[in-house]
């Protein structure tokens, strides 16, 4: 972890300090963020948090890198195919910031694993899980433990990054995943209370392929290279800005 007395001398970090100031930088350095899911959204979000200087990260995923990931996931290269995403992410993050305090969890998140994980203290939690049942369970227990939470909705079938939005889950629309989540969350008495990154762009029917072969999925949705990464960057920006919100509110703007 970077220390207050050597921030000025750490060349790779100098522009972040110029942007956020020493107080903002130190808030990020002292923060512990959980990133659940290291696919197209979660992996780029974890990288942006690391590059911004978040001092502690916990990352979790159960998958290995597959050839089909290469069109949209930052971890997916020919050289990384067949390797656990958590392992590839760990190597990448520590190559960016060797002083990062990184905790890794490999395995499918469900039931008691989610309960135990979210019983731990975190300053912010990112849900980048793309399967509905564990995503729902994860959100419920994140809220039960009073974690600040941002959740990524569906990037599949979306093409226009200008239509990406951030809103309370109650304000999401034109997103099938968000609709299904809201419906199920209402059964648990949850109608609002966490931020969601979503797109208001309609999904064309030709982008959806019904399948019975994908584990835990009933369909595969076409995805363009940049959209999951854009969702991940939006998620990271929500976390970073919320963690330093006091500094942002008191900063002086340049007069035009």
C-alpha atoms as a PDB file:
ATOM      1  CA  UNK A   1       0.000   0.000   0.000  1.00  0.00           C
ATOM      2  CA  UNK A   2       1.253   3.496  -0.810  1.00  0.00           C
ATOM      3  CA  UNK A   3       2.099   5.638   2.204  1.00  0.00           C
ATOM      4  CA  UNK A   4       1.317   9.353   2.679  1.00  0.00           C
ATOM      5  CA  UNK A   5       5.001  10.280   2.779  1.00  0.00           C
ATOM      6  CA  UNK A   6       5.889   8.643  -0.537  1.00  0.00           C
ATOM      7  CA  UNK A   7       2.853   9.447  -2.683  1.00  0.00           C
ATOM      8  CA  UNK A   8       4.570  12.503  -4.171  1.00  0.00           C
ATOM      9  CA  UNK A   9       7.555  10.416  -5.227  1.00  0.00           C
ATOM     10  CA  UNK A  10       5.606   7.564  -6.761  1.00  0.00           C
ATOM     11  CA  UNK A  11       5.671   8.500 -10.453  1.00  0.00           C
ATOM     12  CA  UNK A  12       2.947   6.113 -11.638  1.00  0.00           C
ATOM     13  CA  UNK A  13       0.533   7.595  -9.122  1.00  0.00           C
ATOM     14  CA  UNK A  14       1.311  11.299  -9.556  1.00  0.00           C
ATOM     15  CA  UNK A  15      -1.547  12.149 -11.928  1.00  0.00           C
ATOM     16  CA  UNK A  16      -4.120  10.497  -9.686  1.00  0.00           C
ATOM     17  CA  UNK A  17      -2.928  12.611  -6.776  1.00  0.00           C
ATOM     18  CA  UNK A  18      -3.097  15.702  -8.979  1.00  0.00           C
ATOM     19  CA  UNK A  19      -6.715  14.793  -9.802  1.00  0.00           C
ATOM     20  CA  UNK A  20      -7.957  13.762  -6.351  1.00  0.00           C
ATOM     21  CA  UNK A  21      -5.599  15.522  -3.947  1.00  0.00           C
ATOM     22  CA  UNK A  22      -3.805  13.834  -1.087  1.00  0.00           C
ATOM     23  CA  UNK A  23      -6.960  13.482   1.015  1.00  0.00           C
ATOM     24  CA  UNK A  24      -8.876  11.742  -1.764  1.00  0.00           C
ATOM     25  CA  UNK A  25      -5.933   9.477  -2.512  1.00  0.00           C
ATOM     26  CA  UNK A  26      -5.642   8.429   1.099  1.00  0.00           C
ATOM     27  CA  UNK A  27      -9.354   7.620   1.312  1.00  0.00           C
ATOM     28  CA  UNK A  28      -8.928   5.246  -1.603  1.00  0.00           C
ATOM     29  CA  UNK A  29      -5.759   3.791  -0.105  1.00  0.00           C
ATOM     30  CA  UNK A  30      -7.592   2.985   3.108  1.00  0.00           C
ATOM     31  CA  UNK A  31     -10.647   1.501   1.380  1.00  0.00           C
ATOM     32  CA  UNK A  32     -11.437  -2.196   1.006  1.00  0.00           C
ATOM     33  CA  UNK A  33     -13.589  -3.060  -2.012  1.00  0.00           C
ATOM     34  CA  UNK A  34     -15.090  -6.426  -2.919  1.00  0.00           C
ATOM     35  CA  UNK A  35     -15.501  -7.293  -6.613  1.00  0.00           C
ATOM     36  CA  UNK A  36     -17.725 -10.325  -7.174  1.00  0.00           C
ATOM     37  CA  UNK A  37     -17.346 -11.685 -10.700  1.00  0.00           C
ATOM     38  CA  UNK A  38     -14.356 -11.215 -12.999  1.00  0.00           C
ATOM     39  CA  UNK A  39     -15.976 -11.346 -16.415  1.00  0.00           C
ATOM     40  CA  UNK A  40     -16.181  -8.490 -18.882  1.00  0.00           C
ATOM     41  CA  UNK A  41     -17.556  -6.067 -16.277  1.00  0.00           C
ATOM     42  CA  UNK A  42     -15.881  -7.115 -13.031  1.00  0.00           C
ATOM     43  CA  UNK A  43     -12.331  -7.573 -14.314  1.00  0.00           C
ATOM     44  CA  UNK A  44     -12.075  -4.123 -15.882  1.00  0.00           C
ATOM     45  CA  UNK A  45     -13.729  -2.585 -12.810  1.00  0.00           C
ATOM     46  CA  UNK A  46     -11.180  -4.274 -10.540  1.00  0.00           C
ATOM     47  CA  UNK A  47      -8.376  -2.985 -12.749  1.00  0.00           C
ATOM     48  CA  UNK A  48      -9.721   0.582 -12.695  1.00  0.00           C
ATOM     49  CA  UNK A  49     -10.022   0.456  -8.899  1.00  0.00           C
ATOM     50  CA  UNK A  50      -6.443  -0.799  -8.665  1.00  0.00           C
ATOM     51  CA  UNK A  51      -5.132   1.860 -11.047  1.00  0.00           C
ATOM     52  CA  UNK A  52      -6.983   4.541  -9.054  1.00  0.00           C
ATOM     53  CA  UNK A  53      -5.176   3.413  -5.919  1.00  0.00           C
ATOM     54  CA  UNK A  54      -7.742   1.480  -3.891  1.00  0.00           C
ATOM     55  CA  UNK A  55      -5.508  -0.076  -1.255  1.00  0.00           C
ATOM     56  CA  UNK A  56      -7.353  -3.346  -0.578  1.00  0.00           C
ATOM     57  CA  UNK A  57      -9.295  -5.472  -3.008  1.00  0.00           C
ATOM     58  CA  UNK A  58     -11.037  -8.808  -2.617  1.00  0.00           C
ATOM     59  CA  UNK A  59     -11.858 -10.459  -5.945  1.00  0.00           C
ATOM     60  CA  UNK A  60     -13.827 -13.632  -6.525  1.00  0.00           C
ATOM     61  CA  UNK A  61     -14.764 -15.819  -9.487  1.00  0.00           C
ATOM     62  CA  UNK A  62     -15.169 -19.517 -10.236  1.00  0.00           C
ATOM     63  CA  UNK A  63     -14.483 -19.605 -13.973  1.00  0.00           C
ATOM     64  CA  UNK A  64     -11.509 -20.235 -16.197  1.00  0.00           C
ATOM     65  CA  UNK A  65     -10.700 -18.095 -19.227  1.00  0.00           C
ATOM     66  CA  UNK A  66     -12.350 -19.502 -22.358  1.00  0.00           C
ATOM     67  CA  UNK A  67     -11.854 -18.709 -26.036  1.00  0.00           C
ATOM     68  CA  UNK A  68     -15.380 -17.280 -26.193  1.00  0.00           C
ATOM     69  CA  UNK A  69     -14.373 -14.629 -23.633  1.00  0.00           C
ATOM     70  CA  UNK A  70     -11.791 -13.068 -25.943  1.00  0.00           C
ATOM     71  CA  UNK A  71     -14.186 -10.730 -27.730  1.00  0.00           C
ATOM     72  CA  UNK A  72     -14.968  -8.729 -24.582  1.00  0.00           C
ATOM     73  CA  UNK A  73     -12.984  -9.654 -21.440  1.00  0.00           C
ATOM     74  CA  UNK A  74      -9.734  -7.942 -20.525  1.00  0.00           C
ATOM     75  CA  UNK A  75      -8.353 -11.121 -18.931  1.00  0.00           C
ATOM     76  CA  UNK A  76      -8.981 -13.217 -22.029  1.00  0.00           C
ATOM     77  CA  UNK A  77      -5.937 -13.770 -24.248  1.00  0.00           C
ATOM     78  CA  UNK A  78      -4.771 -16.828 -26.110  1.00  0.00           C
ATOM     79  CA  UNK A  79      -2.000 -17.108 -23.526  1.00  0.00           C
ATOM     80  CA  UNK A  80      -4.479 -17.131 -20.608  1.00  0.00           C
ATOM     81  CA  UNK A  81      -7.035 -19.609 -21.955  1.00  0.00           C
ATOM     82  CA  UNK A  82      -7.676 -22.442 -19.517  1.00  0.00           C
ATOM     83  CA  UNK A  83      -6.334 -20.485 -16.533  1.00  0.00           C
ATOM     84  CA  UNK A  84      -8.513 -19.468 -13.575  1.00  0.00           C
ATOM     85  CA  UNK A  85      -9.710 -15.892 -13.931  1.00  0.00           C
ATOM     86  CA  UNK A  86      -8.789 -15.182 -10.313  1.00  0.00           C
ATOM     87  CA  UNK A  87      -5.193 -16.224 -10.983  1.00  0.00           C
ATOM     88  CA  UNK A  88      -4.933 -14.097 -14.138  1.00  0.00           C
ATOM     89  CA  UNK A  89      -6.515 -11.141 -12.334  1.00  0.00           C
ATOM     90  CA  UNK A  90      -4.127 -11.470  -9.410  1.00  0.00           C
ATOM     91  CA  UNK A  91      -1.075 -11.400 -11.679  1.00  0.00           C
ATOM     92  CA  UNK A  92      -2.417  -8.404 -13.582  1.00  0.00           C
ATOM     93  CA  UNK A  93      -3.341  -6.325 -10.531  1.00  0.00           C
ATOM     94  CA  UNK A  94      -0.061  -6.934  -8.722  1.00  0.00           C
ATOM     95  CA  UNK A  95       1.823  -6.051 -11.890  1.00  0.00           C
ATOM     96  CA  UNK A  96       0.032  -2.687 -11.810  1.00  0.00           C
ATOM     97  CA  UNK A  97       0.497  -2.083  -8.083  1.00  0.00           C
ATOM     98  CA  UNK A  98       2.786  -4.512  -6.215  1.00  0.00           C
ATOM     99  CA  UNK A  99       1.786  -2.802  -2.949  1.00  0.00           C
ATOM    100  CA  UNK A 100      -1.893  -3.688  -3.365  1.00  0.00           C
ATOM    101  CA  UNK A 101      -3.347  -5.759  -0.519  1.00  0.00           C
ATOM    102  CA  UNK A 102      -5.164  -8.361  -2.580  1.00  0.00           C
ATOM    103  CA  UNK A 103      -7.407 -11.181  -1.376  1.00  0.00           C
ATOM    104  CA  UNK A 104      -8.590 -13.788  -3.876  1.00  0.00           C
ATOM    105  CA  UNK A 105     -11.441 -16.289  -3.666  1.00  0.00           C
ATOM    106  CA  UNK A 106     -11.836 -19.012  -6.263  1.00  0.00           C
ATOM    107  CA  UNK A 107     -15.164 -20.832  -6.346  1.00  0.00           C
ATOM    108  CA  UNK A 108     -18.818 -20.491  -7.211  1.00  0.00           C
ATOM    109  CA  UNK A 109     -20.579 -18.035  -4.903  1.00  0.00           C
ATOM    110  CA  UNK A 110     -23.794 -19.451  -3.459  1.00  0.00           C
ATOM    111  CA  UNK A 111     -25.641 -19.954  -0.182  1.00  0.00           C
ATOM    112  CA  UNK A 112     -23.318 -20.047   2.847  1.00  0.00           C
ATOM    113  CA  UNK A 113     -20.330 -18.792   0.859  1.00  0.00           C
ATOM    114  CA  UNK A 114     -22.194 -15.581   0.072  1.00  0.00           C
ATOM    115  CA  UNK A 115     -23.398 -15.191   3.653  1.00  0.00           C
ATOM    116  CA  UNK A 116     -19.913 -15.688   5.089  1.00  0.00           C
ATOM    117  CA  UNK A 117     -18.250 -13.404   2.549  1.00  0.00           C
ATOM    118  CA  UNK A 118     -20.665 -10.523   3.044  1.00  0.00           C
ATOM    119  CA  UNK A 119     -20.457 -10.796   6.825  1.00  0.00           C
ATOM    120  CA  UNK A 120     -16.960  -9.320   6.442  1.00  0.00           C
ATOM    121  CA  UNK A 121     -16.388  -5.549   6.527  1.00  0.00           C
ATOM    122  CA  UNK A 122     -16.055  -3.807   3.161  1.00  0.00           C
ATOM    123  CA  UNK A 123     -16.170  -0.129   2.291  1.00  0.00           C
ATOM    124  CA  UNK A 124     -17.893  -0.897  -0.999  1.00  0.00           C
ATOM    125  CA  UNK A 125     -19.183  -3.961  -2.815  1.00  0.00           C
ATOM    126  CA  UNK A 126     -19.465  -4.473  -6.570  1.00  0.00           C
ATOM    127  CA  UNK A 127     -21.838  -7.116  -7.897  1.00  0.00           C
ATOM    128  CA  UNK A 128     -20.662  -8.179 -11.361  1.00  0.00           C
ATOM    129  CA  UNK A 129     -22.303 -11.611 -11.164  1.00  0.00           C
ATOM    130  CA  UNK A 130     -24.089 -12.551 -14.389  1.00  0.00           C
ATOM    131  CA  UNK A 131     -26.272 -15.437 -13.161  1.00  0.00           C
ATOM    132  CA  UNK A 132     -29.612 -14.427 -11.668  1.00  0.00           C
ATOM    133  CA  UNK A 133     -29.948 -16.703  -8.625  1.00  0.00           C
ATOM    134  CA  UNK A 134     -26.553 -16.022  -6.965  1.00  0.00           C
ATOM    135  CA  UNK A 135     -26.798 -12.373  -8.018  1.00  0.00           C
ATOM    136  CA  UNK A 136     -30.118 -12.031  -6.189  1.00  0.00           C
ATOM    137  CA  UNK A 137     -28.793 -13.783  -3.096  1.00  0.00           C
ATOM    138  CA  UNK A 138     -25.622 -11.673  -3.152  1.00  0.00           C
ATOM    139  CA  UNK A 139     -27.580  -8.409  -3.322  1.00  0.00           C
ATOM    140  CA  UNK A 140     -29.922  -9.435  -0.490  1.00  0.00           C
ATOM    141  CA  UNK A 141     -27.058 -10.214   1.880  1.00  0.00           C
ATOM    142  CA  UNK A 142     -25.029  -7.192   0.839  1.00  0.00           C
ATOM    143  CA  UNK A 143     -27.966  -5.021   1.867  1.00  0.00           C
ATOM    144  CA  UNK A 144     -28.594  -7.018   5.047  1.00  0.00           C
ATOM    145  CA  UNK A 145     -25.024  -6.248   6.070  1.00  0.00           C
ATOM    146  CA  UNK A 146     -25.444  -2.555   5.209  1.00  0.00           C
ATOM    147  CA  UNK A 147     -22.782  -2.584   2.516  1.00  0.00           C
ATOM    148  CA  UNK A 148     -22.655   0.199  -0.010  1.00  0.00           C
ATOM    149  CA  UNK A 149     -23.424  -1.623  -3.238  1.00  0.00           C
ATOM    150  CA  UNK A 150     -23.309  -1.036  -6.967  1.00  0.00           C
ATOM    151  CA  UNK A 151     -24.673  -3.767  -9.214  1.00  0.00           C
ATOM    152  CA  UNK A 152     -24.087  -4.244 -12.929  1.00  0.00           C
ATOM    153  CA  UNK A 153     -27.101  -5.065 -15.039  1.00  0.00           C
ATOM    154  CA  UNK A 154     -26.956  -6.633 -18.507  1.00  0.00           C
ATOM    155  CA  UNK A 155     -24.426  -5.393 -21.081  1.00  0.00           C
ATOM    156  CA  UNK A 156     -25.418  -8.070 -23.593  1.00  0.00           C
ATOM    157  CA  UNK A 157     -27.361  -6.978 -26.659  1.00  0.00           C
ATOM    158  CA  UNK A 158     -26.381  -3.335 -26.105  1.00  0.00           C
ATOM    159  CA  UNK A 159     -24.400  -1.307 -28.637  1.00  0.00           C
ATOM    160  CA  UNK A 160     -24.604   2.407 -27.743  1.00  0.00           C
ATOM    161  CA  UNK A 161     -22.447   3.449 -24.760  1.00  0.00           C
ATOM    162  CA  UNK A 162     -24.175   6.830 -24.620  1.00  0.00           C
ATOM    163  CA  UNK A 163     -27.251   5.065 -23.223  1.00  0.00           C
ATOM    164  CA  UNK A 164     -25.487   3.643 -20.147  1.00  0.00           C
ATOM    165  CA  UNK A 165     -26.955   5.080 -16.943  1.00  0.00           C
ATOM    166  CA  UNK A 166     -26.533   4.932 -13.185  1.00  0.00           C
ATOM    167  CA  UNK A 167     -29.645   4.907 -11.019  1.00  0.00           C
ATOM    168  CA  UNK A 168     -31.139   3.353  -7.925  1.00  0.00           C
ATOM    169  CA  UNK A 169     -32.394  -0.116  -8.841  1.00  0.00           C
ATOM    170  CA  UNK A 170     -35.942   1.268  -8.607  1.00  0.00           C
ATOM    171  CA  UNK A 171     -35.168   3.628 -11.493  1.00  0.00           C
ATOM    172  CA  UNK A 172     -33.901   1.027 -13.962  1.00  0.00           C
ATOM    173  CA  UNK A 173     -35.793   0.282 -17.167  1.00  0.00           C
ATOM    174  CA  UNK A 174     -35.393  -1.352 -20.577  1.00  0.00           C
ATOM    175  CA  UNK A 175     -33.227  -4.093 -19.054  1.00  0.00           C
ATOM    176  CA  UNK A 176     -34.454  -7.678 -18.708  1.00  0.00           C
ATOM    177  CA  UNK A 177     -31.954  -8.536 -15.945  1.00  0.00           C
ATOM    178  CA  UNK A 178     -32.962  -5.492 -13.912  1.00  0.00           C
ATOM    179  CA  UNK A 179     -36.655  -6.345 -14.413  1.00  0.00           C
ATOM    180  CA  UNK A 180     -36.139  -9.910 -13.201  1.00  0.00           C
ATOM    181  CA  UNK A 181     -34.135  -8.685 -10.205  1.00  0.00           C
ATOM    182  CA  UNK A 182     -36.698  -6.084  -9.192  1.00  0.00           C
ATOM    183  CA  UNK A 183     -39.460  -8.693  -9.392  1.00  0.00           C
ATOM    184  CA  UNK A 184     -37.597 -11.134  -7.147  1.00  0.00           C
ATOM    185  CA  UNK A 185     -36.291  -8.477  -4.756  1.00  0.00           C
ATOM    186  CA  UNK A 186     -39.846  -7.272  -4.096  1.00  0.00           C
ATOM    187  CA  UNK A 187     -40.633 -10.715  -2.684  1.00  0.00           C
ATOM    188  CA  UNK A 188     -37.927 -10.016  -0.081  1.00  0.00           C
ATOM    189  CA  UNK A 189     -39.273  -6.560   0.681  1.00  0.00           C
ATOM    190  CA  UNK A 190     -36.546  -4.764  -1.284  1.00  0.00           C
ATOM    191  CA  UNK A 191     -37.603  -2.122  -3.797  1.00  0.00           C
ATOM    192  CA  UNK A 192     -34.683   0.322  -3.621  1.00  0.00           C
ATOM    193  CA  UNK A 193     -31.443   1.051  -1.804  1.00  0.00           C
ATOM    194  CA  UNK A 194     -28.515   0.348  -4.126  1.00  0.00           C
ATOM    195  CA  UNK A 195     -27.070   1.742  -7.319  1.00  0.00           C
ATOM    196  CA  UNK A 196     -27.304  -0.065 -10.627  1.00  0.00           C
ATOM    197  CA  UNK A 197     -25.420   0.438 -13.867  1.00  0.00           C
ATOM    198  CA  UNK A 198     -27.699  -0.323 -16.807  1.00  0.00           C
ATOM    199  CA  UNK A 199     -28.443   0.630 -20.403  1.00  0.00           C
ATOM    200  CA  UNK A 200     -31.774   1.976 -21.627  1.00  0.00           C
ATOM    201  CA  UNK A 201     -31.095   0.618 -25.129  1.00  0.00           C
ATOM    202  CA  UNK A 202     -33.625  -1.967 -26.366  1.00  0.00           C
ATOM    203  CA  UNK A 203     -32.217  -5.415 -27.146  1.00  0.00           C
ATOM    204  CA  UNK A 204     -32.817  -6.747 -30.651  1.00  0.00           C
ATOM    205  CA  UNK A 205     -34.310 -10.237 -30.744  1.00  0.00           C
ATOM    206  CA  UNK A 206     -31.718 -11.506 -33.222  1.00  0.00           C
ATOM    207  CA  UNK A 207     -28.979 -11.037 -30.581  1.00  0.00           C
ATOM    208  CA  UNK A 208     -30.492 -13.676 -28.254  1.00  0.00           C
ATOM    209  CA  UNK A 209     -29.786 -17.372 -28.730  1.00  0.00           C
ATOM    210  CA  UNK A 210     -31.790 -19.820 -26.631  1.00  0.00           C
ATOM    211  CA  UNK A 211     -29.637 -22.625 -25.304  1.00  0.00           C
ATOM    212  CA  UNK A 212     -29.851 -25.682 -23.089  1.00  0.00           C
ATOM    213  CA  UNK A 213     -26.100 -26.357 -23.041  1.00  0.00           C
ATOM    214  CA  UNK A 214     -24.870 -23.375 -21.008  1.00  0.00           C
ATOM    215  CA  UNK A 215     -24.565 -24.052 -17.282  1.00  0.00           C
ATOM    216  CA  UNK A 216     -26.905 -21.848 -15.213  1.00  0.00           C
ATOM    217  CA  UNK A 217     -28.105 -20.016 -18.340  1.00  0.00           C
ATOM    218  CA  UNK A 218     -31.131 -20.358 -20.596  1.00  0.00           C
ATOM    219  CA  UNK A 219     -29.801 -18.068 -23.330  1.00  0.00           C
ATOM    220  CA  UNK A 220     -26.676 -16.531 -24.777  1.00  0.00           C
ATOM    221  CA  UNK A 221     -26.804 -12.857 -25.736  1.00  0.00           C
ATOM    222  CA  UNK A 222     -24.525 -11.283 -28.315  1.00  0.00           C
ATOM    223  CA  UNK A 223     -22.033  -8.802 -26.878  1.00  0.00           C
ATOM    224  CA  UNK A 224     -19.806  -6.171 -28.474  1.00  0.00           C
ATOM    225  CA  UNK A 225     -16.231  -5.716 -27.252  1.00  0.00           C
ATOM    226  CA  UNK A 226     -16.530  -2.362 -25.488  1.00  0.00           C
ATOM    227  CA  UNK A 227     -19.873  -2.544 -23.665  1.00  0.00           C
ATOM    228  CA  UNK A 228     -18.935  -4.795 -20.705  1.00  0.00           C
ATOM    229  CA  UNK A 229     -15.780  -2.720 -20.228  1.00  0.00           C
ATOM    230  CA  UNK A 230     -17.858   0.464 -20.270  1.00  0.00           C
ATOM    231  CA  UNK A 231     -20.202  -1.000 -17.647  1.00  0.00           C
ATOM    232  CA  UNK A 232     -17.155  -1.924 -15.549  1.00  0.00           C
ATOM    233  CA  UNK A 233     -15.743   1.589 -15.823  1.00  0.00           C
ATOM    234  CA  UNK A 234     -19.091   3.062 -14.791  1.00  0.00           C
ATOM    235  CA  UNK A 235     -19.166   0.738 -11.759  1.00  0.00           C
ATOM    236  CA  UNK A 236     -15.615   1.705 -10.780  1.00  0.00           C
ATOM    237  CA  UNK A 237     -16.443   5.390 -11.152  1.00  0.00           C
ATOM    238  CA  UNK A 238     -19.456   5.036  -8.848  1.00  0.00           C
ATOM    239  CA  UNK A 239     -17.293   3.414  -6.172  1.00  0.00           C
ATOM    240  CA  UNK A 240     -14.419   5.872  -6.470  1.00  0.00           C
ATOM    241  CA  UNK A 241     -16.634   8.955  -6.439  1.00  0.00           C
ATOM    242  CA  UNK A 242     -18.690   7.691  -3.501  1.00  0.00           C
ATOM    243  CA  UNK A 243     -15.556   6.882  -1.494  1.00  0.00           C
ATOM    244  CA  UNK A 244     -14.218  10.416  -1.929  1.00  0.00           C
ATOM    245  CA  UNK A 245     -17.542  12.263  -2.094  1.00  0.00           C
ATOM    246  CA  UNK A 246     -16.631  14.753   0.663  1.00  0.00           C
ATOM    247  CA  UNK A 247     -13.520  15.805  -1.234  1.00  0.00           C
ATOM    248  CA  UNK A 248     -15.484  16.210  -4.463  1.00  0.00           C
ATOM    249  CA  UNK A 249     -18.114  18.392  -2.808  1.00  0.00           C
ATOM    250  CA  UNK A 250     -15.519  20.817  -1.432  1.00  0.00           C
ATOM    251  CA  UNK A 251     -13.191  20.965  -4.454  1.00  0.00           C
ATOM    252  CA  UNK A 252     -12.904  24.250  -6.312  1.00  0.00           C
ATOM    253  CA  UNK A 253     -13.870  24.219  -9.968  1.00  0.00           C
ATOM    254  CA  UNK A 254     -11.930  26.153 -12.600  1.00  0.00           C
ATOM    255  CA  UNK A 255     -13.825  29.233 -13.643  1.00  0.00           C
ATOM    256  CA  UNK A 256     -14.510  29.595 -17.347  1.00  0.00           C
END
